[in-house]
Amino acid sequence: MSEHRKNRRTPALAVTAAIAVTAAGAGLALLPRGEASAAEPQLPPRATGWDYQIGGAYEPDEDVEVVVRDHTGVPADGLYSICYVNAFQSQPGAEDEWDDDLLLRDAAGEVVYDGAWGEAVLDIRTEEKRERIADVVGGWMADCAEKGFQAVEPDNYDTFYRFDAYISEDDAVAMAAELTGRGHDLGLAVAQKNAVELVDRRDEAGFDFVVAENCGQWNECEGYASAYDDRVLVVEYTDGGFETTCSGWGDRLSVVKRDLMVLPVGRDGYVRENCPAT
């Protein structure tokens, strides 16, 4: 499928977020499925001001009620905070930190990469591997919950679109269900990231709301809005997509325009815009 389905993370974030994932290596606390349950997940508000800060945290603007930050950071004080984790691919340069057999390989035995971002694709094709990957990601999610995040955004759900010669839709949904189950056990709401074609499998995957990139640009907002009762956080990176989303969905969905590299405020190239008041 088209490249627009790729997430928009910055390489700088990828370096700081890289983490060892072998149980023996870094002493990471893994989270087995079905650990003690927490409070019922709290969902984000609809049609509110929000900010996508996965490229670096900074003080949110006064209009902001919802913030997304990387799992290595901390929640925004007093705001609904969503924790970002890379769940279906490695971070750039971090493939050696995953167990070797959890990296997807081609017929020649070479690791399959998402070349645009330098990320090794994870092998989610068997239940055993999905559980081991979820053990690692679940550890990050447990840390998010302990810090006080209310929700989690597992990125690269749409990896199978780009690598459908290896990974199936069923593989992706099964991996999602494993992750959402663990998130809910921790009291975290869990976001579907992109992949509008899978909204009809929402119940099976277990997602609670959506983080959608460029849904206005690609005419996908209706699919998300209908499936998730308008509980959709939209980030647009182009002027045209932002204008389309604001004019058609600004009163129903949470919409923000960000620069492609989601830079922190103060950096050259930083952009954050709200839909214009009507």
Protein backbone atom coordinates (compact mmCIF):
# COMPACT_ATOMS: atom_id res chain seq x y z
CA MET A 1 0.00 0.00 0.00
CA SER A 2 1.00 3.65 -0.27
CA GLU A 3 3.79 5.16 1.77
CA HIS A 4 1.43 7.58 3.55
CA ARG A 5 0.53 4.80 5.95
CA LYS A 6 3.97 5.00 7.52
CA ASN A 7 4.26 6.74 10.85
CA ARG A 8 6.02 10.08 11.11
CA ARG A 9 8.59 9.57 13.85
CA THR A 10 11.78 11.57 13.99
CA PRO A 11 15.17 9.80 13.90
CA ALA A 12 16.23 11.71 17.02
CA LEU A 13 13.31 10.22 18.92
CA ALA A 14 14.14 6.81 17.57
CA VAL A 15 17.62 6.96 19.03
CA THR A 16 16.50 8.10 22.47
CA ALA A 17 13.67 5.58 22.54
CA ALA A 18 15.81 2.59 21.60
CA ILE A 19 15.74 -0.03 24.34
CA ALA A 20 17.19 -3.47 24.94
CA VAL A 21 14.52 -6.13 24.66
CA THR A 22 16.08 -9.44 25.58
CA ALA A 23 15.03 -10.55 29.03
CA ALA A 24 18.57 -11.24 30.14
CA GLY A 25 20.16 -8.22 28.49
CA ALA A 26 18.71 -5.07 29.99
CA GLY A 27 16.79 -6.34 32.97
CA LEU A 28 13.55 -5.11 31.42
CA ALA A 29 10.46 -5.94 33.45
CA LEU A 30 8.26 -8.06 31.19
CA LEU A 31 4.51 -8.19 31.60
CA PRO A 32 2.87 -11.61 31.23
CA ARG A 33 -0.65 -11.55 29.83
CA GLY A 34 -3.36 -11.58 32.47
CA GLU A 35 -1.55 -9.88 35.32
CA ALA A 36 -3.70 -8.15 37.94
CA SER A 37 -6.23 -5.88 36.28
CA ALA A 38 -6.36 -2.14 36.88
CA ALA A 39 -9.13 0.42 36.71
CA GLU A 40 -11.41 0.65 33.69
CA PRO A 41 -9.59 2.51 30.87
CA GLN A 42 -10.49 6.18 30.49
CA LEU A 43 -11.12 7.30 26.90
CA PRO A 44 -9.87 10.61 25.48
CA PRO A 45 -12.37 13.43 24.97
CA ARG A 46 -13.84 14.11 21.54
CA ALA A 47 -13.27 17.21 19.40
CA THR A 48 -10.67 18.81 21.65
CA GLY A 49 -7.32 20.52 21.34
CA TRP A 50 -4.40 18.11 21.28
CA ASP A 51 -0.69 17.90 20.51
CA TYR A 52 1.50 15.20 18.99
CA GLN A 53 4.81 15.47 20.87
CA ILE A 54 6.53 12.22 19.92
CA GLY A 55 9.55 14.16 18.61
CA GLY A 56 10.21 15.74 21.99
CA ALA A 57 8.16 16.97 24.94
CA TYR A 58 7.44 20.64 25.65
CA GLU A 59 4.88 22.75 27.52
CA PRO A 60 1.51 22.32 25.79
CA ASP A 61 -0.46 25.31 24.54
CA GLU A 62 -3.42 26.46 26.64
CA ASP A 63 -5.95 24.92 24.24
CA VAL A 64 -4.50 21.42 24.61
CA GLU A 65 -6.31 18.72 26.57
CA VAL A 66 -4.64 15.63 25.07
CA VAL A 67 -0.92 14.99 24.50
CA VAL A 68 0.94 12.04 22.93
CA ARG A 69 4.52 11.52 24.13
CA ASP A 70 7.11 8.75 23.76
CA HIS A 71 7.15 6.00 26.37
CA THR A 72 10.59 7.12 27.53
CA GLY A 73 9.10 10.43 28.64
CA VAL A 74 6.52 11.47 31.22
CA PRO A 75 2.85 12.47 30.98
CA ALA A 76 1.80 16.09 30.59
CA ASP A 77 0.74 17.38 33.97
CA GLY A 78 -3.03 17.62 34.32
CA LEU A 79 -3.77 16.53 30.73
CA TYR A 80 -4.96 13.29 29.14
CA SER A 81 -1.64 11.70 28.15
CA ILE A 82 -1.08 8.95 25.59
CA CYS A 83 2.10 6.88 25.57
CA TYR A 84 3.73 6.11 22.21
CA VAL A 85 5.39 2.70 21.64
CA ASN A 86 6.76 1.15 18.45
CA ALA A 87 5.06 -2.24 18.54
CA PHE A 88 5.39 -3.81 15.08
CA GLN A 89 8.89 -2.68 14.06
CA SER A 90 12.14 -1.98 15.86
CA GLN A 91 13.40 1.50 16.44
CA PRO A 92 16.12 2.54 13.94
CA GLY A 93 19.41 0.91 14.84
CA ALA A 94 17.82 -1.17 17.61
CA GLU A 95 17.33 -4.43 15.73
CA ASP A 96 20.27 -6.04 17.56
CA GLU A 97 18.39 -5.52 20.81
CA TRP A 98 15.64 -7.90 19.75
CA ASP A 99 15.95 -11.67 19.88
CA ASP A 100 17.26 -12.68 16.48
CA ASP A 101 14.30 -14.89 15.61
CA LEU A 102 11.83 -12.08 16.27
CA LEU A 103 13.10 -10.14 13.24
CA LEU A 104 11.27 -10.83 9.99
CA ARG A 105 13.51 -12.36 7.34
CA ASP A 106 13.26 -12.82 3.59
CA ALA A 107 13.85 -16.03 1.62
CA ALA A 108 17.60 -15.42 1.72
CA GLY A 109 17.56 -15.08 5.50
CA GLU A 110 18.14 -11.31 5.46
CA VAL A 111 16.31 -9.03 7.89
CA VAL A 112 13.41 -7.18 6.26
CA TYR A 113 13.60 -3.41 6.79
CA ASP A 114 11.21 -0.55 6.40
CA GLY A 115 13.83 1.28 4.40
CA ALA A 116 12.27 4.73 4.58
CA TRP A 117 12.80 4.78 8.35
CA GLY A 118 15.57 2.21 8.88
CA GLU A 119 13.41 -0.01 11.05
CA ALA A 120 13.57 -3.80 11.14
CA VAL A 121 10.15 -5.42 10.79
CA LEU A 122 9.13 -7.75 13.62
CA ASP A 123 7.95 -11.27 12.86
CA ILE A 124 4.38 -11.50 14.13
CA ARG A 125 3.39 -14.59 12.13
CA THR A 126 3.09 -17.08 14.96
CA GLU A 127 1.33 -16.98 18.30
CA GLU A 128 4.53 -17.80 20.15
CA LYS A 129 6.40 -14.88 18.58
CA ARG A 130 3.51 -12.50 19.07
CA GLU A 131 3.45 -13.32 22.77
CA ARG A 132 7.20 -12.73 23.11
CA ILE A 133 6.97 -9.41 21.28
CA ALA A 134 4.02 -8.45 23.49
CA ASP A 135 6.05 -9.35 26.57
CA VAL A 136 8.52 -6.64 25.59
CA VAL A 137 6.01 -4.03 24.49
CA GLY A 138 3.92 -4.90 27.53
CA GLY A 139 6.87 -3.98 29.70
CA TRP A 140 6.95 -0.52 28.13
CA MET A 141 3.19 -0.24 28.57
CA ALA A 142 3.45 -1.18 32.23
CA ASP A 143 6.01 1.60 32.66
CA CYS A 144 3.61 4.00 30.93
CA ALA A 145 0.82 3.06 33.32
CA GLU A 146 3.10 3.44 36.33
CA LYS A 147 4.11 6.94 35.18
CA GLY A 148 0.46 7.96 34.93
CA PHE A 149 -0.33 7.82 31.21
CA GLN A 150 -4.01 7.09 30.53
CA ALA A 151 -3.57 5.44 27.13
CA VAL A 152 -1.07 3.90 24.73
CA GLU A 153 -0.50 4.27 20.98
CA PRO A 154 1.12 1.11 19.50
CA ASP A 155 2.64 2.25 16.22
CA ASN A 156 3.01 0.45 12.89
CA TYR A 157 -0.19 -1.58 13.03
CA ASP A 158 -0.24 -1.04 9.26
CA THR A 159 3.15 -2.70 8.66
CA PHE A 160 1.49 -5.64 6.95
CA TYR A 161 0.26 -3.34 4.16
CA ARG A 162 3.84 -2.54 3.24
CA PHE A 163 5.08 -6.11 3.69
CA ASP A 164 2.11 -8.20 2.63
CA ALA A 165 4.39 -10.76 1.00
CA TYR A 166 5.26 -11.86 4.54
CA ILE A 167 2.62 -10.63 7.01
CA SER A 168 -1.15 -11.02 6.77
CA GLU A 169 -4.02 -8.90 8.00
CA ASP A 170 -4.89 -11.71 10.40
CA ASP A 171 -1.36 -11.58 11.84
CA ALA A 172 -1.69 -7.85 12.49
CA VAL A 173 -5.11 -8.15 14.13
CA ALA A 174 -3.93 -11.02 16.33
CA MET A 175 -0.90 -8.99 17.43
CA ALA A 176 -3.15 -6.02 18.14
CA ALA A 177 -5.49 -8.13 20.27
CA GLU A 178 -2.53 -9.36 22.32
CA LEU A 179 -1.42 -5.79 22.95
CA THR A 180 -4.85 -4.32 23.70
CA GLY A 181 -5.54 -7.10 26.17
CA ARG A 182 -2.38 -6.26 28.08
CA GLY A 183 -3.10 -2.55 27.88
CA HIS A 184 -6.59 -2.99 29.26
CA ASP A 185 -5.24 -5.16 32.06
CA LEU A 186 -3.13 -2.14 33.02
CA GLY A 187 -6.08 0.24 32.88
CA LEU A 188 -4.85 1.85 29.65
CA ALA A 189 -7.03 2.73 26.68
CA VAL A 190 -5.39 1.61 23.43
CA ALA A 191 -5.38 3.47 20.11
CA GLN A 192 -5.64 2.08 16.62
CA LYS A 193 -2.88 3.81 14.66
CA ASN A 194 -3.85 4.32 11.00
CA ALA A 195 -4.98 1.29 8.91
CA VAL A 196 -8.50 2.49 8.09
CA GLU A 197 -9.11 -0.77 6.22
CA LEU A 198 -9.15 -2.58 9.56
CA VAL A 199 -11.78 -0.48 11.34
CA ASP A 200 -14.36 -3.20 10.69
CA ARG A 201 -12.23 -5.50 12.85
CA ARG A 202 -12.15 -3.08 15.75
CA ASP A 203 -13.92 -5.40 18.17
CA GLU A 204 -11.60 -8.27 17.32
CA ALA A 205 -8.49 -6.12 17.72
CA GLY A 206 -9.82 -4.48 20.88
CA PHE A 207 -8.96 -0.84 20.17
CA ASP A 208 -10.71 2.03 21.96
CA PHE A 209 -10.00 5.11 19.82
CA VAL A 210 -7.88 6.22 16.85
CA VAL A 211 -4.72 8.19 16.16
CA ALA A 212 -4.92 8.89 12.42
CA GLU A 213 -2.28 10.50 10.23
CA ASN A 214 -3.40 12.43 7.16
CA CYS A 215 -6.96 11.13 7.12
CA GLY A 216 -8.10 14.31 5.42
CA GLN A 217 -5.38 14.10 2.80
CA TRP A 218 -6.33 10.50 1.99
CA ASN A 219 -10.11 10.77 2.46
CA GLU A 220 -10.14 8.36 5.40
CA CYS A 221 -11.69 10.43 8.20
CA GLU A 222 -15.21 9.09 7.65
CA GLY A 223 -14.07 5.49 8.10
CA TYR A 224 -12.45 6.23 11.44
CA ALA A 225 -15.22 8.53 12.67
CA SER A 226 -17.97 6.05 11.90
CA ALA A 227 -16.22 3.09 13.51
CA TYR A 228 -15.10 4.97 16.64
CA ASP A 229 -18.01 7.36 17.23
CA ASP A 230 -15.84 10.42 16.46
CA ARG A 231 -13.24 9.49 19.09
CA VAL A 232 -10.43 10.24 16.64
CA LEU A 233 -7.20 12.23 17.04
CA VAL A 234 -6.09 13.48 13.61
CA VAL A 235 -2.63 14.79 12.79
CA GLU A 236 -2.17 16.33 9.36
CA TYR A 237 1.22 17.20 7.87
CA THR A 238 0.18 19.05 4.71
CA ASP A 239 -1.69 22.30 4.17
CA GLY A 240 -4.24 20.66 1.91
CA GLY A 241 -4.95 17.77 4.24
CA PHE A 242 -5.27 20.09 7.20
CA GLU A 243 -7.70 22.38 5.37
CA THR A 244 -9.79 19.41 4.24
CA THR A 245 -9.96 17.92 7.73
CA CYS A 246 -10.77 21.21 9.41
CA SER A 247 -13.52 22.09 6.96
CA GLY A 248 -15.13 18.66 7.04
CA TRP A 249 -14.35 17.38 10.51
CA GLY A 250 -13.10 20.22 12.69
CA ASP A 251 -16.25 20.31 14.80
CA ARG A 252 -16.33 16.53 15.35
CA LEU A 253 -12.76 15.23 15.56
CA SER A 254 -9.62 16.39 17.36
CA VAL A 255 -7.39 17.89 14.67
CA VAL A 256 -3.87 19.31 14.73
CA LYS A 257 -1.34 20.20 12.05
CA ARG A 258 2.25 19.30 12.86
CA ASP A 259 5.55 19.43 11.01
CA LEU A 260 6.56 16.13 9.43
CA MET A 261 9.31 15.48 11.97
CA VAL A 262 7.07 16.48 14.93
CA LEU A 263 9.79 18.72 16.32
CA PRO A 264 9.60 20.24 19.79
CA VAL A 265 8.76 23.93 20.10
CA GLY A 266 11.79 26.14 19.59
CA ARG A 267 13.33 23.95 16.91
CA ASP A 268 13.68 25.27 13.37
CA GLY A 269 10.79 23.89 11.34
CA TYR A 270 8.39 23.40 14.26
CA VAL A 271 4.73 23.70 13.28
CA ARG A 272 1.57 23.35 15.34
CA GLU A 273 -1.75 24.74 14.15
CA ASN A 274 -5.36 24.40 15.23
CA CYS A 275 -8.34 24.44 12.94
CA PRO A 276 -9.44 28.06 12.43
CA ALA A 277 -12.38 29.22 14.54
CA THR A 278 -15.70 29.15 12.74
